[in-house]
Amino acid sequence: AYELTPTAEGCRVRESTVDRRGRLLRWGTYPAMPDRAGINRR
């Protein structure tokens, strides 16, 4: 999600994500991306 809030100088953009992968998909992607939360944050 991207939320835009007006500010005095323009706007603030907030980007967010929620991981919805189930156990099987998390397990399957773990070897390639063990720190998915850190990857998403960066």
PDB file of all heavy atoms in Angstrom:
ATOM      1  N   ALA A   1       0.836  -1.198   0.000  1.00  0.00           N
ATOM      2  CA  ALA A   1       0.000   0.000   0.000  1.00  0.00           C
ATOM      3  C   ALA A   1       0.871   1.248   0.000  1.00  0.00           C
ATOM      4  O   ALA A   1       1.964   1.266   0.579  1.00  0.00           O
ATOM      5  CB  ALA A   1      -0.915   0.014   1.219  1.00  0.00           C
ATOM      6  N   TYR A   2       0.370   2.268  -0.672  1.00  0.00           N
ATOM      7  CA  TYR A   2       0.987   3.596  -0.704  1.00  0.00           C
ATOM      8  C   TYR A   2      -0.075   4.586  -0.256  1.00  0.00           C
ATOM      9  O   TYR A   2      -1.159   4.630  -0.841  1.00  0.00           O
ATOM     10  CB  TYR A   2       1.460   3.948  -2.118  1.00  0.00           C
ATOM     11  CG  TYR A   2       2.531   3.017  -2.619  1.00  0.00           C
ATOM     12  CD1 TYR A   2       2.192   1.801  -3.211  1.00  0.00           C
ATOM     13  CD2 TYR A   2       3.875   3.345  -2.488  1.00  0.00           C
ATOM     14  CE1 TYR A   2       3.178   0.936  -3.660  1.00  0.00           C
ATOM     15  CE2 TYR A   2       4.866   2.478  -2.945  1.00  0.00           C
ATOM     16  CZ  TYR A   2       4.501   1.277  -3.526  1.00  0.00           C
ATOM     17  OH  TYR A   2       5.477   0.417  -3.966  1.00  0.00           O
ATOM     18  N   GLU A   3       0.220   5.346   0.779  1.00  0.00           N
ATOM     19  CA  GLU A   3      -0.707   6.348   1.288  1.00  0.00           C
ATOM     20  C   GLU A   3      -0.039   7.710   1.192  1.00  0.00           C
ATOM     21  O   GLU A   3       1.123   7.868   1.586  1.00  0.00           O
ATOM     22  CB  GLU A   3      -1.076   6.028   2.724  1.00  0.00           C
ATOM     23  CG  GLU A   3      -1.800   4.698   2.860  1.00  0.00           C
ATOM     24  CD  GLU A   3      -1.986   4.262   4.297  1.00  0.00           C
ATOM     25  OE1 GLU A   3      -1.540   4.966   5.216  1.00  0.00           O
ATOM     26  OE2 GLU A   3      -2.580   3.193   4.490  1.00  0.00           O
ATOM     27  N   LEU A   4      -0.778   8.678   0.675  1.00  0.00           N
ATOM     28  CA  LEU A   4      -0.261  10.035   0.513  1.00  0.00           C
ATOM     29  C   LEU A   4      -1.039  10.969   1.429  1.00  0.00           C
ATOM     30  O   LEU A   4      -2.276  10.964   1.408  1.00  0.00           O
ATOM     31  CB  LEU A   4      -0.391  10.491  -0.937  1.00  0.00           C
ATOM     32  CG  LEU A   4       0.495   9.726  -1.931  1.00  0.00           C
ATOM     33  CD1 LEU A   4      -0.154   8.444  -2.381  1.00  0.00           C
ATOM     34  CD2 LEU A   4       0.820  10.596  -3.111  1.00  0.00           C
ATOM     35  N   THR A   5      -0.305  11.737   2.215  1.00  0.00           N
ATOM     36  CA  THR A   5      -0.903  12.678   3.149  1.00  0.00           C
ATOM     37  C   THR A   5      -0.367  14.066   2.847  1.00  0.00           C
ATOM     38  O   THR A   5       0.859  14.252   2.797  1.00  0.00           O
ATOM     39  CB  THR A   5      -0.537  12.295   4.603  1.00  0.00           C
ATOM     40  OG1 THR A   5      -0.895  10.929   4.818  1.00  0.00           O
ATOM     41  CG2 THR A   5      -1.246  13.193   5.598  1.00  0.00           C
ATOM     42  N   PRO A   6      -1.235  15.045   2.650  1.00  0.00           N
ATOM     43  CA  PRO A   6      -0.759  16.406   2.392  1.00  0.00           C
ATOM     44  C   PRO A   6       0.063  16.953   3.561  1.00  0.00           C
ATOM     45  O   PRO A   6      -0.229  16.673   4.725  1.00  0.00           O
ATOM     46  CB  PRO A   6      -2.050  17.210   2.223  1.00  0.00           C
ATOM     47  CG  PRO A   6      -3.094  16.207   1.876  1.00  0.00           C
ATOM     48  CD  PRO A   6      -2.699  14.948   2.595  1.00  0.00           C
ATOM     49  N   THR A   7       1.103  17.701   3.227  1.00  0.00           N
ATOM     50  CA  THR A   7       1.911  18.418   4.215  1.00  0.00           C
ATOM     51  C   THR A   7       1.995  19.874   3.751  1.00  0.00           C
ATOM     52  O   THR A   7       1.581  20.194   2.633  1.00  0.00           O
ATOM     53  CB  THR A   7       3.334  17.830   4.330  1.00  0.00           C
ATOM     54  OG1 THR A   7       4.007  18.012   3.074  1.00  0.00           O
ATOM     55  CG2 THR A   7       3.306  16.353   4.700  1.00  0.00           C
ATOM     56  N   ALA A   8       2.560  20.715   4.588  1.00  0.00           N
ATOM     57  CA  ALA A   8       2.694  22.135   4.221  1.00  0.00           C
ATOM     58  C   ALA A   8       3.562  22.310   2.979  1.00  0.00           C
ATOM     59  O   ALA A   8       3.352  23.232   2.189  1.00  0.00           O
ATOM     60  CB  ALA A   8       3.270  22.925   5.386  1.00  0.00           C
ATOM     61  N   GLU A   9       4.536  21.419   2.775  1.00  0.00           N
ATOM     62  CA  GLU A   9       5.469  21.534   1.654  1.00  0.00           C
ATOM     63  C   GLU A   9       5.120  20.649   0.464  1.00  0.00           C
ATOM     64  O   GLU A   9       5.778  20.706  -0.561  1.00  0.00           O
ATOM     65  CB  GLU A   9       6.894  21.196   2.111  1.00  0.00           C
ATOM     66  CG  GLU A   9       7.473  22.141   3.148  1.00  0.00           C
ATOM     67  CD  GLU A   9       6.957  21.859   4.556  1.00  0.00           C
ATOM     68  OE1 GLU A   9       6.614  20.698   4.860  1.00  0.00           O
ATOM     69  OE2 GLU A   9       6.872  22.814   5.353  1.00  0.00           O
ATOM     70  N   GLY A  10       4.128  19.792   0.595  1.00  0.00           N
ATOM     71  CA  GLY A  10       3.782  18.872  -0.491  1.00  0.00           C
ATOM     72  C   GLY A  10       2.985  17.707   0.045  1.00  0.00           C
ATOM     73  O   GLY A  10       1.816  17.832   0.370  1.00  0.00           O
ATOM     74  N   CYS A  11       3.652  16.538   0.176  1.00  0.00           N
ATOM     75  CA  CYS A  11       2.960  15.375   0.735  1.00  0.00           C
ATOM     76  C   CYS A  11       3.965  14.418   1.371  1.00  0.00           C
ATOM     77  O   CYS A  11       5.159  14.453   1.083  1.00  0.00           O
ATOM     78  CB  CYS A  11       2.143  14.651  -0.335  1.00  0.00           C
ATOM     79  SG  CYS A  11       3.106  13.803  -1.605  1.00  0.00           S
ATOM     80  N   ARG A  12       3.454  13.586   2.223  1.00  0.00           N
ATOM     81  CA  ARG A  12       4.228  12.485   2.798  1.00  0.00           C
ATOM     82  C   ARG A  12       3.706  11.211   2.154  1.00  0.00           C
ATOM     83  O   ARG A  12       2.496  10.972   2.108  1.00  0.00           O
ATOM     84  CB  ARG A  12       4.051  12.428   4.309  1.00  0.00           C
ATOM     85  CG  ARG A  12       4.748  11.206   4.922  1.00  0.00           C
ATOM     86  CD  ARG A  12       4.875  11.325   6.415  1.00  0.00           C
ATOM     87  NE  ARG A  12       5.744  12.462   6.694  1.00  0.00           N
ATOM     88  CZ  ARG A  12       5.526  13.363   7.654  1.00  0.00           C
ATOM     89  NH1 ARG A  12       4.479  13.255   8.435  1.00  0.00           N
ATOM     90  NH2 ARG A  12       6.366  14.368   7.834  1.00  0.00           N
ATOM     91  N   VAL A  13       4.627  10.395   1.660  1.00  0.00           N
ATOM     92  CA  VAL A  13       4.261   9.109   1.058  1.00  0.00           C
ATOM     93  C   VAL A  13       4.691   8.017   2.022  1.00  0.00           C
ATOM     94  O   VAL A  13       5.851   7.962   2.434  1.00  0.00           O
ATOM     95  CB  VAL A  13       4.950   8.903  -0.308  1.00  0.00           C
ATOM     96  CG1 VAL A  13       4.560   7.543  -0.889  1.00  0.00           C
ATOM     97  CG2 VAL A  13       4.607  10.030  -1.270  1.00  0.00           C
ATOM     98  N   ARG A  14       3.749   7.158   2.351  1.00  0.00           N
ATOM     99  CA  ARG A  14       4.022   6.007   3.217  1.00  0.00           C
ATOM    100  C   ARG A  14       3.822   4.757   2.383  1.00  0.00           C
ATOM    101  O   ARG A  14       2.754   4.550   1.802  1.00  0.00           O
ATOM    102  CB  ARG A  14       3.062   5.999   4.398  1.00  0.00           C
ATOM    103  CG  ARG A  14       3.275   4.833   5.353  1.00  0.00           C
ATOM    104  CD  ARG A  14       2.282   4.937   6.523  1.00  0.00           C
ATOM    105  NE  ARG A  14       2.602   3.979   7.555  1.00  0.00           N
ATOM    106  CZ  ARG A  14       2.158   2.712   7.575  1.00  0.00           C
ATOM    107  NH1 ARG A  14       1.373   2.272   6.601  1.00  0.00           N
ATOM    108  NH2 ARG A  14       2.496   1.905   8.552  1.00  0.00           N
ATOM    109  N   GLU A  15       4.859   3.943   2.311  1.00  0.00           N
ATOM    110  CA  GLU A  15       4.786   2.653   1.614  1.00  0.00           C
ATOM    111  C   GLU A  15       4.816   1.569   2.674  1.00  0.00           C
ATOM    112  O   GLU A  15       5.634   1.622   3.606  1.00  0.00           O
ATOM    113  CB  GLU A  15       5.976   2.484   0.669  1.00  0.00           C
ATOM    114  CG  GLU A  15       5.977   1.156  -0.061  1.00  0.00           C
ATOM    115  CD  GLU A  15       7.171   0.976  -0.992  1.00  0.00           C
ATOM    116  OE1 GLU A  15       8.088   1.819  -0.983  1.00  0.00           O
ATOM    117  OE2 GLU A  15       7.171  -0.020  -1.728  1.00  0.00           O
ATOM    118  N   SER A  16       3.947   0.570   2.539  1.00  0.00           N
ATOM    119  CA  SER A  16       3.911  -0.517   3.516  1.00  0.00           C
ATOM    120  C   SER A  16       3.649  -1.845   2.828  1.00  0.00           C
ATOM    121  O   SER A  16       3.101  -1.894   1.730  1.00  0.00           O
ATOM    122  CB  SER A  16       2.831  -0.256   4.568  1.00  0.00           C
ATOM    123  OG  SER A  16       1.554  -0.232   3.970  1.00  0.00           O
ATOM    124  N   THR A  17       4.056  -2.893   3.509  1.00  0.00           N
ATOM    125  CA  THR A  17       3.795  -4.243   3.018  1.00  0.00           C
ATOM    126  C   THR A  17       3.530  -5.158   4.194  1.00  0.00           C
ATOM    127  O   THR A  17       4.054  -4.966   5.293  1.00  0.00           O
ATOM    128  CB  THR A  17       4.960  -4.782   2.164  1.00  0.00           C
ATOM    129  OG1 THR A  17       4.571  -6.038   1.596  1.00  0.00           O
ATOM    130  CG2 THR A  17       6.235  -4.962   2.965  1.00  0.00           C
ATOM    131  N   VAL A  18       2.703  -6.155   3.940  1.00  0.00           N
ATOM    132  CA  VAL A  18       2.449  -7.220   4.893  1.00  0.00           C
ATOM    133  C   VAL A  18       2.702  -8.526   4.161  1.00  0.00           C
ATOM    134  O   VAL A  18       2.137  -8.763   3.090  1.00  0.00           O
ATOM    135  CB  VAL A  18       0.999  -7.170   5.436  1.00  0.00           C
ATOM    136  CG1 VAL A  18       0.731  -8.358   6.352  1.00  0.00           C
ATOM    137  CG2 VAL A  18       0.736  -5.856   6.152  1.00  0.00           C
ATOM    138  N   ASP A  19       3.574  -9.337   4.712  1.00  0.00           N
ATOM    139  CA  ASP A  19       3.912 -10.634   4.123  1.00  0.00           C
ATOM    140  C   ASP A  19       2.748 -11.583   4.356  1.00  0.00           C
ATOM    141  O   ASP A  19       2.336 -11.812   5.487  1.00  0.00           O
ATOM    142  CB  ASP A  19       5.186 -11.166   4.793  1.00  0.00           C
ATOM    143  CG  ASP A  19       5.751 -12.395   4.129  1.00  0.00           C
ATOM    144  OD1 ASP A  19       5.037 -13.081   3.378  1.00  0.00           O
ATOM    145  OD2 ASP A  19       6.941 -12.674   4.373  1.00  0.00           O
ATOM    146  N   ARG A  20       2.190 -12.141   3.301  1.00  0.00           N
ATOM    147  CA  ARG A  20       1.067 -13.070   3.395  1.00  0.00           C
ATOM    148  C   ARG A  20       1.440 -14.486   2.966  1.00  0.00           C
ATOM    149  O   ARG A  20       0.559 -15.332   2.775  1.00  0.00           O
ATOM    150  CB  ARG A  20      -0.103 -12.566   2.538  1.00  0.00           C
ATOM    151  CG  ARG A  20      -0.679 -11.246   2.997  1.00  0.00           C
ATOM    152  CD  ARG A  20      -1.398 -11.419   4.305  1.00  0.00           C
ATOM    153  NE  ARG A  20      -2.076 -10.183   4.675  1.00  0.00           N
ATOM    154  CZ  ARG A  20      -2.271  -9.813   5.915  1.00  0.00           C
ATOM    155  NH1 ARG A  20      -1.858 -10.565   6.909  1.00  0.00           N
ATOM    156  NH2 ARG A  20      -2.889  -8.688   6.181  1.00  0.00           N
ATOM    157  N   ARG A  21       2.754 -14.739   2.814  1.00  0.00           N
ATOM    158  CA  ARG A  21       3.165 -16.081   2.401  1.00  0.00           C
ATOM    159  C   ARG A  21       2.837 -17.094   3.496  1.00  0.00           C
ATOM    160  O   ARG A  21       3.078 -16.855   4.666  1.00  0.00           O
ATOM    161  CB  ARG A  21       4.677 -16.125   2.149  1.00  0.00           C
ATOM    162  CG  ARG A  21       5.126 -15.314   0.958  1.00  0.00           C
ATOM    163  CD  ARG A  21       6.630 -15.290   0.841  1.00  0.00           C
ATOM    164  NE  ARG A  21       7.190 -14.715   2.065  1.00  0.00           N
ATOM    165  CZ  ARG A  21       8.418 -14.967   2.517  1.00  0.00           C
ATOM    166  NH1 ARG A  21       9.221 -15.772   1.859  1.00  0.00           N
ATOM    167  NH2 ARG A  21       8.846 -14.415   3.628  1.00  0.00           N
ATOM    168  N   GLY A  22       2.330 -18.210   3.075  1.00  0.00           N
ATOM    169  CA  GLY A  22       2.098 -19.308   4.008  1.00  0.00           C
ATOM    170  C   GLY A  22       3.407 -20.037   4.296  1.00  0.00           C
ATOM    171  O   GLY A  22       4.456 -19.746   3.718  1.00  0.00           O
ATOM    172  N   ARG A  23       3.328 -20.993   5.155  1.00  0.00           N
ATOM    173  CA  ARG A  23       4.514 -21.742   5.594  1.00  0.00           C
ATOM    174  C   ARG A  23       5.273 -22.374   4.419  1.00  0.00           C
ATOM    175  O   ARG A  23       6.488 -22.296   4.345  1.00  0.00           O
ATOM    176  CB  ARG A  23       4.091 -22.811   6.583  1.00  0.00           C
ATOM    177  CG  ARG A  23       5.250 -23.506   7.242  1.00  0.00           C
ATOM    178  CD  ARG A  23       4.763 -24.462   8.289  1.00  0.00           C
ATOM    179  NE  ARG A  23       3.943 -23.708   9.232  1.00  0.00           N
ATOM    180  CZ  ARG A  23       3.680 -24.088  10.459  1.00  0.00           C
ATOM    181  NH1 ARG A  23       4.143 -25.212  10.897  1.00  0.00           N
ATOM    182  NH2 ARG A  23       2.924 -23.369  11.236  1.00  0.00           N
ATOM    183  N   LEU A  24       4.554 -22.978   3.488  1.00  0.00           N
ATOM    184  CA  LEU A  24       5.194 -23.648   2.353  1.00  0.00           C
ATOM    185  C   LEU A  24       5.978 -22.654   1.498  1.00  0.00           C
ATOM    186  O   LEU A  24       7.134 -22.896   1.137  1.00  0.00           O
ATOM    187  CB  LEU A  24       4.149 -24.376   1.502  1.00  0.00           C
ATOM    188  CG  LEU A  24       4.680 -25.102   0.268  1.00  0.00           C
ATOM    189  CD1 LEU A  24       5.643 -26.218   0.676  1.00  0.00           C
ATOM    190  CD2 LEU A  24       3.524 -25.674  -0.534  1.00  0.00           C
ATOM    191  N   LEU A  25       5.364 -21.525   1.172  1.00  0.00           N
ATOM    192  CA  LEU A  25       6.043 -20.530   0.347  1.00  0.00           C
ATOM    193  C   LEU A  25       7.211 -19.891   1.095  1.00  0.00           C
ATOM    194  O   LEU A  25       8.275 -19.641   0.524  1.00  0.00           O
ATOM    195  CB  LEU A  25       5.048 -19.465  -0.129  1.00  0.00           C
ATOM    196  CG  LEU A  25       5.519 -18.547  -1.250  1.00  0.00           C
ATOM    197  CD1 LEU A  25       6.016 -19.341  -2.459  1.00  0.00           C
ATOM    198  CD2 LEU A  25       4.382 -17.617  -1.670  1.00  0.00           C
ATOM    199  N   ARG A  26       7.054 -19.638   2.385  1.00  0.00           N
ATOM    200  CA  ARG A  26       8.168 -19.102   3.181  1.00  0.00           C
ATOM    201  C   ARG A  26       9.343 -20.076   3.170  1.00  0.00           C
ATOM    202  O   ARG A  26      10.484 -19.686   2.993  1.00  0.00           O
ATOM    203  CB  ARG A  26       7.734 -18.859   4.628  1.00  0.00           C
ATOM    204  CG  ARG A  26       6.893 -17.647   4.823  1.00  0.00           C
ATOM    205  CD  ARG A  26       6.505 -17.548   6.302  1.00  0.00           C
ATOM    206  NE  ARG A  26       5.415 -16.649   6.492  1.00  0.00           N
ATOM    207  CZ  ARG A  26       5.549 -15.391   6.884  1.00  0.00           C
ATOM    208  NH1 ARG A  26       6.737 -14.923   7.143  1.00  0.00           N
ATOM    209  NH2 ARG A  26       4.499 -14.630   7.027  1.00  0.00           N
ATOM    210  N   TRP A  27       9.030 -21.355   3.369  1.00  0.00           N
ATOM    211  CA  TRP A  27      10.071 -22.368   3.393  1.00  0.00           C
ATOM    212  C   TRP A  27      10.765 -22.457   2.035  1.00  0.00           C
ATOM    213  O   TRP A  27      11.980 -22.546   1.947  1.00  0.00           O
ATOM    214  CB  TRP A  27       9.459 -23.721   3.785  1.00  0.00           C
ATOM    215  CG  TRP A  27      10.462 -24.824   3.815  1.00  0.00           C
ATOM    216  CD1 TRP A  27      11.330 -25.126   4.814  1.00  0.00           C
ATOM    217  CD2 TRP A  27      10.717 -25.771   2.787  1.00  0.00           C
ATOM    218  NE1 TRP A  27      12.103 -26.198   4.480  1.00  0.00           N
ATOM    219  CE2 TRP A  27      11.746 -26.620   3.228  1.00  0.00           C
ATOM    220  CE3 TRP A  27      10.168 -25.987   1.517  1.00  0.00           C
ATOM    221  CZ2 TRP A  27      12.231 -27.662   2.454  1.00  0.00           C
ATOM    222  CZ3 TRP A  27      10.669 -27.030   0.761  1.00  0.00           C
ATOM    223  CH2 TRP A  27      11.680 -27.849   1.232  1.00  0.00           C
ATOM    224  N   GLY A  28       9.982 -22.394   0.969  1.00  0.00           N
ATOM    225  CA  GLY A  28      10.545 -22.516  -0.372  1.00  0.00           C
ATOM    226  C   GLY A  28      11.416 -21.351  -0.793  1.00  0.00           C
ATOM    227  O   GLY A  28      12.346 -21.517  -1.583  1.00  0.00           O
ATOM    228  N   THR A  29      11.135 -20.164  -0.275  1.00  0.00           N
ATOM    229  CA  THR A  29      11.931 -18.990  -0.666  1.00  0.00           C
ATOM    230  C   THR A  29      13.046 -18.686   0.332  1.00  0.00           C
ATOM    231  O   THR A  29      13.910 -17.861   0.044  1.00  0.00           O
ATOM    232  CB  THR A  29      11.032 -17.745  -0.816  1.00  0.00           C
ATOM    233  OG1 THR A  29      10.348 -17.500   0.415  1.00  0.00           O
ATOM    234  CG2 THR A  29      10.035 -17.934  -1.946  1.00  0.00           C
ATOM    235  N   TYR A  30      13.060 -19.360   1.476  1.00  0.00           N
ATOM    236  CA  TYR A  30      14.041 -19.057   2.512  1.00  0.00           C
ATOM    237  C   TYR A  30      15.496 -19.169   2.043  1.00  0.00           C
ATOM    238  O   TYR A  30      16.298 -18.284   2.331  1.00  0.00           O
ATOM    239  CB  TYR A  30      13.818 -19.933   3.750  1.00  0.00           C
ATOM    240  CG  TYR A  30      14.770 -19.608   4.865  1.00  0.00           C
ATOM    241  CD1 TYR A  30      14.500 -18.554   5.730  1.00  0.00           C
ATOM    242  CD2 TYR A  30      15.954 -20.321   5.038  1.00  0.00           C
ATOM    243  CE1 TYR A  30      15.374 -18.224   6.743  1.00  0.00           C
ATOM    244  CE2 TYR A  30      16.839 -19.996   6.044  1.00  0.00           C
ATOM    245  CZ  TYR A  30      16.549 -18.950   6.891  1.00  0.00           C
ATOM    246  OH  TYR A  30      17.432 -18.618   7.888  1.00  0.00           O
ATOM    247  N   PRO A  31      15.884 -20.228   1.310  1.00  0.00           N
ATOM    248  CA  PRO A  31      17.293 -20.324   0.906  1.00  0.00           C
ATOM    249  C   PRO A  31      17.782 -19.115   0.099  1.00  0.00           C
ATOM    250  O   PRO A  31      18.914 -18.677   0.257  1.00  0.00           O
ATOM    251  CB  PRO A  31      17.338 -21.605   0.061  1.00  0.00           C
ATOM    252  CG  PRO A  31      16.194 -22.419   0.566  1.00  0.00           C
ATOM    253  CD  PRO A  31      15.118 -21.412   0.903  1.00  0.00           C
ATOM    254  N   ALA A  32      16.933 -18.575  -0.754  1.00  0.00           N
ATOM    255  CA  ALA A  32      17.328 -17.441  -1.587  1.00  0.00           C
ATOM    256  C   ALA A  32      17.151 -16.107  -0.865  1.00  0.00           C
ATOM    257  O   ALA A  32      17.862 -15.144  -1.164  1.00  0.00           O
ATOM    258  CB  ALA A  32      16.516 -17.436  -2.876  1.00  0.00           C
ATOM    259  N   MET A  33      16.200 -16.046   0.069  1.00  0.00           N
ATOM    260  CA  MET A  33      15.908 -14.794   0.775  1.00  0.00           C
ATOM    261  C   MET A  33      15.633 -15.082   2.244  1.00  0.00           C
ATOM    262  O   MET A  33      14.487 -14.986   2.702  1.00  0.00           O
ATOM    263  CB  MET A  33      14.709 -14.090   0.144  1.00  0.00           C
ATOM    264  CG  MET A  33      14.996 -13.523  -1.221  1.00  0.00           C
ATOM    265  SD  MET A  33      13.628 -12.551  -1.864  1.00  0.00           S
ATOM    266  CE  MET A  33      12.658 -13.816  -2.670  1.00  0.00           C
ATOM    267  N   PRO A  34      16.664 -15.415   3.020  1.00  0.00           N
ATOM    268  CA  PRO A  34      16.423 -15.752   4.430  1.00  0.00           C
ATOM    269  C   PRO A  34      15.931 -14.560   5.258  1.00  0.00           C
ATOM    270  O   PRO A  34      15.281 -14.756   6.273  1.00  0.00           O
ATOM    271  CB  PRO A  34      17.774 -16.257   4.918  1.00  0.00           C
ATOM    272  CG  PRO A  34      18.767 -15.717   3.954  1.00  0.00           C
ATOM    273  CD  PRO A  34      18.053 -15.586   2.647  1.00  0.00           C
ATOM    274  N   ASP A  35      16.224 -13.350   4.825  1.00  0.00           N
ATOM    275  CA  ASP A  35      15.791 -12.155   5.560  1.00  0.00           C
ATOM    276  C   ASP A  35      14.835 -11.333   4.707  1.00  0.00           C
ATOM    277  O   ASP A  35      15.124 -10.206   4.329  1.00  0.00           O
ATOM    278  CB  ASP A  35      17.010 -11.319   5.972  1.00  0.00           C
ATOM    279  CG  ASP A  35      16.623 -10.090   6.778  1.00  0.00           C
ATOM    280  OD1 ASP A  35      15.518 -10.063   7.358  1.00  0.00           O
ATOM    281  OD2 ASP A  35      17.423  -9.132   6.807  1.00  0.00           O
ATOM    282  N   ARG A  36      13.687 -11.917   4.386  1.00  0.00           N
ATOM    283  CA  ARG A  36      12.735 -11.213   3.523  1.00  0.00           C
ATOM    284  C   ARG A  36      12.287  -9.890   4.144  1.00  0.00           C
ATOM    285  O   ARG A  36      12.130  -8.899   3.435  1.00  0.00           O
ATOM    286  CB  ARG A  36      11.525 -12.103   3.234  1.00  0.00           C
ATOM    287  CG  ARG A  36      10.570 -11.501   2.224  1.00  0.00           C
ATOM    288  CD  ARG A  36      11.277 -11.303   0.888  1.00  0.00           C
ATOM    289  NE  ARG A  36      10.431 -10.617  -0.055  1.00  0.00           N
ATOM    290  CZ  ARG A  36      10.866  -9.988  -1.127  1.00  0.00           C
ATOM    291  NH1 ARG A  36      12.153  -9.972  -1.415  1.00  0.00           N
ATOM    292  NH2 ARG A  36      10.063  -9.385  -1.944  1.00  0.00           N
ATOM    293  N   ALA A  37      12.094  -9.846   5.444  1.00  0.00           N
ATOM    294  CA  ALA A  37      11.681  -8.604   6.104  1.00  0.00           C
ATOM    295  C   ALA A  37      12.739  -7.514   5.915  1.00  0.00           C
ATOM    296  O   ALA A  37      12.411  -6.374   5.587  1.00  0.00           O
ATOM    297  CB  ALA A  37      11.414  -8.844   7.582  1.00  0.00           C
ATOM    298  N   GLY A  38      13.996  -7.859   6.082  1.00  0.00           N
ATOM    299  CA  GLY A  38      15.082  -6.891   5.888  1.00  0.00           C
ATOM    300  C   GLY A  38      15.178  -6.434   4.438  1.00  0.00           C
ATOM    301  O   GLY A  38      15.401  -5.248   4.162  1.00  0.00           O
ATOM    302  N   ILE A  39      15.001  -7.371   3.513  1.00  0.00           N
ATOM    303  CA  ILE A  39      15.014  -7.028   2.089  1.00  0.00           C
ATOM    304  C   ILE A  39      13.882  -6.051   1.786  1.00  0.00           C
ATOM    305  O   ILE A  39      14.082  -5.053   1.094  1.00  0.00           O
ATOM    306  CB  ILE A  39      14.893  -8.306   1.226  1.00  0.00           C
ATOM    307  CG1 ILE A  39      16.179  -9.125   1.312  1.00  0.00           C
ATOM    308  CG2 ILE A  39      14.567  -7.964  -0.225  1.00  0.00           C
ATOM    309  CD1 ILE A  39      16.066 -10.527   0.742  1.00  0.00           C
ATOM    310  N   ASN A  40      12.691  -6.325   2.303  1.00  0.00           N
ATOM    311  CA  ASN A  40      11.558  -5.427   2.065  1.00  0.00           C
ATOM    312  C   ASN A  40      11.800  -4.057   2.698  1.00  0.00           C
ATOM    313  O   ASN A  40      11.476  -3.036   2.091  1.00  0.00           O
ATOM    314  CB  ASN A  40      10.261  -6.034   2.587  1.00  0.00           C
ATOM    315  CG  ASN A  40       9.704  -7.094   1.661  1.00  0.00           C
ATOM    316  OD1 ASN A  40      10.124  -7.221   0.519  1.00  0.00           O
ATOM    317  ND2 ASN A  40       8.761  -7.861   2.156  1.00  0.00           N
ATOM    318  N   ARG A  41      12.359  -4.015   3.889  1.00  0.00           N
ATOM    319  CA  ARG A  41      12.629  -2.742   4.563  1.00  0.00           C
ATOM    320  C   ARG A  41      13.590  -1.889   3.732  1.00  0.00           C
ATOM    321  O   ARG A  41      13.335  -0.708   3.490  1.00  0.00           O
ATOM    322  CB  ARG A  41      13.207  -3.016   5.952  1.00  0.00           C
ATOM    323  CG  ARG A  41      13.249  -1.813   6.864  1.00  0.00           C
ATOM    324  CD  ARG A  41      13.625  -2.197   8.292  1.00  0.00           C
ATOM    325  NE  ARG A  41      12.535  -2.944   8.937  1.00  0.00           N
ATOM    326  CZ  ARG A  41      12.558  -4.253   9.196  1.00  0.00           C
ATOM    327  NH1 ARG A  41      13.610  -4.984   8.898  1.00  0.00           N
ATOM    328  NH2 ARG A  41      11.541  -4.843   9.771  1.00  0.00           N
ATOM    329  N   ARG A  42      14.668  -2.495   3.282  1.00  0.00           N
ATOM    330  CA  ARG A  42      15.644  -1.760   2.450  1.00  0.00           C
ATOM    331  C   ARG A  42      15.040  -1.386   1.098  1.00  0.00           C
ATOM    332  O   ARG A  42      15.296  -0.298   0.575  1.00  0.00           O
ATOM    333  CB  ARG A  42      16.915  -2.592   2.274  1.00  0.00           C
ATOM    334  CG  ARG A  42      17.724  -2.716   3.574  1.00  0.00           C
ATOM    335  CD  ARG A  42      19.030  -3.463   3.391  1.00  0.00           C
ATOM    336  NE  ARG A  42      18.873  -4.839   2.951  1.00  0.00           N
ATOM    337  CZ  ARG A  42      18.623  -5.874   3.768  1.00  0.00           C
ATOM    338  NH1 ARG A  42      18.487  -5.679   5.061  1.00  0.00           N
ATOM    339  NH2 ARG A  42      18.513  -7.094   3.279  1.00  0.00           N
TER     340      ARG A  42
END
